Amino acid sequence: MTTTVCDLTNRIITADTRWSCELELSDKNKYLVYCDNTGFDKISLVGKTALVTAGNGYLIAQWKKWW
């Protein structure tokens, strides 16, 4: 889940920094792992335009590369 806030009056956009994924470890159990402040930002800025992303990290990386 991604939380994004846009303040159009002041032209500010922000999002949370948390990423999550489900992992299956050697004990065959599934775990949900959360990572904060990874440096892989959910918002990319080019000029006066913002790309806001959420979802699959690999696909987001492709979008950001194109952006």
N, C-alpha and C. Protein backbone atom coordinates (compact mmCIF):
# COMPACT_ATOMS: atom_id res chain seq x y z
N MET A 1 0.84 -1.17 0.00
CA MET A 1 0.00 0.00 0.00
C MET A 1 0.89 1.24 0.00
N THR A 2 0.55 2.17 -0.83
CA THR A 2 1.30 3.42 -0.91
C THR A 2 0.40 4.58 -0.53
N THR A 3 0.93 5.46 0.30
CA THR A 3 0.20 6.68 0.66
C THR A 3 0.87 7.84 -0.06
N THR A 4 0.09 8.56 -0.85
CA THR A 4 0.59 9.70 -1.60
C THR A 4 -0.27 10.91 -1.26
N VAL A 5 0.36 12.04 -1.00
CA VAL A 5 -0.35 13.27 -0.69
C VAL A 5 0.08 14.35 -1.67
N CYS A 6 -0.91 15.01 -2.27
CA CYS A 6 -0.64 16.11 -3.20
C CYS A 6 -1.28 17.38 -2.65
N ASP A 7 -0.47 18.39 -2.42
CA ASP A 7 -0.95 19.71 -2.01
C ASP A 7 -0.84 20.60 -3.25
N LEU A 8 -1.94 20.72 -3.99
CA LEU A 8 -1.92 21.45 -5.25
C LEU A 8 -1.74 22.95 -5.05
N THR A 9 -2.24 23.47 -3.94
CA THR A 9 -2.10 24.90 -3.67
C THR A 9 -0.64 25.30 -3.55
N ASN A 10 0.12 24.50 -2.79
CA ASN A 10 1.53 24.80 -2.55
C ASN A 10 2.47 24.03 -3.47
N ARG A 11 1.90 23.24 -4.39
CA ARG A 11 2.69 22.46 -5.36
C ARG A 11 3.68 21.53 -4.67
N ILE A 12 3.16 20.74 -3.70
CA ILE A 12 3.98 19.78 -2.96
C ILE A 12 3.37 18.39 -3.15
N ILE A 13 4.23 17.41 -3.40
CA ILE A 13 3.79 16.02 -3.50
C ILE A 13 4.73 15.18 -2.67
N THR A 14 4.19 14.21 -1.94
CA THR A 14 5.01 13.34 -1.11
C THR A 14 4.39 11.95 -1.04
N ALA A 15 5.20 10.98 -0.70
CA ALA A 15 4.73 9.60 -0.54
C ALA A 15 5.53 8.93 0.56
N ASP A 16 4.97 7.86 1.11
CA ASP A 16 5.71 7.08 2.11
C ASP A 16 6.91 6.41 1.44
N THR A 17 7.83 5.92 2.26
CA THR A 17 9.05 5.32 1.72
C THR A 17 9.07 3.80 1.85
N ARG A 18 8.00 3.21 2.38
CA ARG A 18 8.01 1.78 2.69
C ARG A 18 7.72 0.92 1.47
N TRP A 19 8.54 -0.11 1.31
CA TRP A 19 8.33 -1.15 0.30
C TRP A 19 8.13 -2.46 1.02
N SER A 20 7.40 -3.38 0.42
CA SER A 20 7.18 -4.68 1.03
C SER A 20 7.25 -5.78 -0.02
N CYS A 21 7.55 -6.98 0.43
CA CYS A 21 7.51 -8.14 -0.46
C CYS A 21 7.28 -9.40 0.37
N GLU A 22 6.74 -10.40 -0.28
CA GLU A 22 6.53 -11.69 0.37
C GLU A 22 7.68 -12.61 -0.01
N LEU A 23 8.29 -13.24 1.00
CA LEU A 23 9.41 -14.15 0.78
C LEU A 23 9.10 -15.52 1.34
N GLU A 24 9.56 -16.55 0.66
CA GLU A 24 9.51 -17.90 1.21
C GLU A 24 10.94 -18.29 1.57
N LEU A 25 11.17 -18.57 2.84
CA LEU A 25 12.51 -18.89 3.31
C LEU A 25 12.75 -20.40 3.32
N SER A 26 13.93 -20.79 3.71
CA SER A 26 14.32 -22.20 3.68
C SER A 26 13.45 -23.07 4.59
N ASP A 27 12.77 -22.47 5.57
CA ASP A 27 11.87 -23.25 6.42
C ASP A 27 10.51 -23.49 5.75
N LYS A 28 10.40 -23.03 4.49
CA LYS A 28 9.19 -23.18 3.66
C LYS A 28 8.01 -22.33 4.13
N ASN A 29 8.23 -21.47 5.10
CA ASN A 29 7.20 -20.53 5.53
C ASN A 29 7.31 -19.25 4.72
N LYS A 30 6.16 -18.58 4.56
CA LYS A 30 6.14 -17.31 3.85
C LYS A 30 6.13 -16.18 4.86
N TYR A 31 6.88 -15.13 4.54
CA TYR A 31 7.01 -13.98 5.42
C TYR A 31 6.79 -12.71 4.61
N LEU A 32 6.19 -11.72 5.24
CA LEU A 32 6.03 -10.41 4.63
C LEU A 32 7.10 -9.50 5.23
N VAL A 33 7.94 -8.96 4.36
CA VAL A 33 9.08 -8.15 4.79
C VAL A 33 8.83 -6.70 4.39
N TYR A 34 9.08 -5.77 5.32
CA TYR A 34 8.93 -4.35 5.07
C TYR A 34 10.30 -3.68 5.12
N CYS A 35 10.56 -2.78 4.18
CA CYS A 35 11.82 -2.03 4.14
C CYS A 35 11.51 -0.54 4.01
N ASP A 36 12.14 0.26 4.86
CA ASP A 36 11.97 1.71 4.82
C ASP A 36 13.23 2.38 4.31
N ASN A 37 13.04 3.55 3.70
CA ASN A 37 14.16 4.40 3.26
C ASN A 37 15.21 3.64 2.45
N THR A 38 14.75 3.01 1.39
CA THR A 38 15.64 2.19 0.55
C THR A 38 16.40 3.00 -0.48
N GLY A 39 15.96 4.23 -0.74
CA GLY A 39 16.57 5.03 -1.79
C GLY A 39 15.90 4.81 -3.14
N PHE A 40 14.99 3.85 -3.21
CA PHE A 40 14.23 3.59 -4.44
C PHE A 40 12.91 4.36 -4.31
N ASP A 41 12.95 5.64 -4.67
CA ASP A 41 11.82 6.54 -4.42
C ASP A 41 10.62 6.21 -5.28
N LYS A 42 9.44 6.46 -4.72
CA LYS A 42 8.17 6.22 -5.40
C LYS A 42 7.78 7.39 -6.29
N ILE A 43 8.46 8.52 -6.14
CA ILE A 43 8.16 9.71 -6.94
C ILE A 43 9.42 10.10 -7.72
N SER A 44 9.24 10.30 -9.01
CA SER A 44 10.33 10.78 -9.86
C SER A 44 9.90 12.10 -10.48
N LEU A 45 10.78 13.09 -10.44
CA LEU A 45 10.47 14.41 -10.97
C LEU A 45 11.29 14.71 -12.21
N VAL A 46 10.63 15.25 -13.22
CA VAL A 46 11.30 15.76 -14.41
C VAL A 46 10.64 17.10 -14.71
N GLY A 47 11.40 18.16 -14.56
CA GLY A 47 10.84 19.49 -14.77
C GLY A 47 9.69 19.75 -13.80
N LYS A 48 8.53 20.08 -14.32
CA LYS A 48 7.35 20.35 -13.50
C LYS A 48 6.39 19.16 -13.45
N THR A 49 6.88 17.99 -13.83
CA THR A 49 6.04 16.80 -13.91
C THR A 49 6.53 15.75 -12.93
N ALA A 50 5.58 15.07 -12.27
CA ALA A 50 5.91 14.02 -11.32
C ALA A 50 5.33 12.68 -11.79
N LEU A 51 6.15 11.64 -11.71
CA LEU A 51 5.72 10.27 -11.94
C LEU A 51 5.57 9.63 -10.57
N VAL A 52 4.35 9.25 -10.20
CA VAL A 52 4.07 8.63 -8.90
C VAL A 52 3.84 7.14 -9.15
N THR A 53 4.60 6.30 -8.45
CA THR A 53 4.55 4.87 -8.71
C THR A 53 4.19 4.07 -7.46
N ALA A 54 3.69 2.87 -7.69
CA ALA A 54 3.44 1.89 -6.63
C ALA A 54 3.29 0.54 -7.32
N GLY A 55 3.62 -0.53 -6.61
CA GLY A 55 3.42 -1.86 -7.17
C GLY A 55 4.71 -2.63 -7.33
N ASN A 56 4.89 -3.25 -8.47
CA ASN A 56 5.99 -4.15 -8.76
C ASN A 56 7.29 -3.36 -8.98
N GLY A 57 8.28 -3.62 -8.11
CA GLY A 57 9.54 -2.87 -8.17
C GLY A 57 10.26 -2.96 -9.50
N TYR A 58 10.26 -4.15 -10.12
CA TYR A 58 10.93 -4.31 -11.41
C TYR A 58 10.27 -3.44 -12.47
N LEU A 59 8.95 -3.46 -12.53
CA LEU A 59 8.23 -2.65 -13.51
C LEU A 59 8.41 -1.16 -13.25
N ILE A 60 8.43 -0.79 -11.98
CA ILE A 60 8.65 0.62 -11.63
C ILE A 60 10.03 1.06 -12.09
N ALA A 61 11.04 0.20 -11.91
CA ALA A 61 12.40 0.53 -12.36
C ALA A 61 12.41 0.78 -13.86
N GLN A 62 11.65 0.00 -14.61
CA GLN A 62 11.58 0.19 -16.06
C GLN A 62 10.92 1.52 -16.40
N TRP A 63 9.84 1.84 -15.71
CA TRP A 63 9.17 3.14 -15.92
C TRP A 63 10.12 4.29 -15.60
N LYS A 64 10.83 4.20 -14.48
CA LYS A 64 11.74 5.27 -14.07
C LYS A 64 12.89 5.42 -15.07
N LYS A 65 13.37 4.32 -15.61
CA LYS A 65 14.42 4.37 -16.62
C LYS A 65 13.92 5.08 -17.86
N TRP A 66 12.71 4.78 -18.29
CA TRP A 66 12.10 5.43 -19.44
C TRP A 66 11.85 6.92 -19.15
N TRP A 67 11.41 7.22 -17.96
CA TRP A 67 11.05 8.57 -17.54
C TRP A 67 12.25 9.49 -17.64
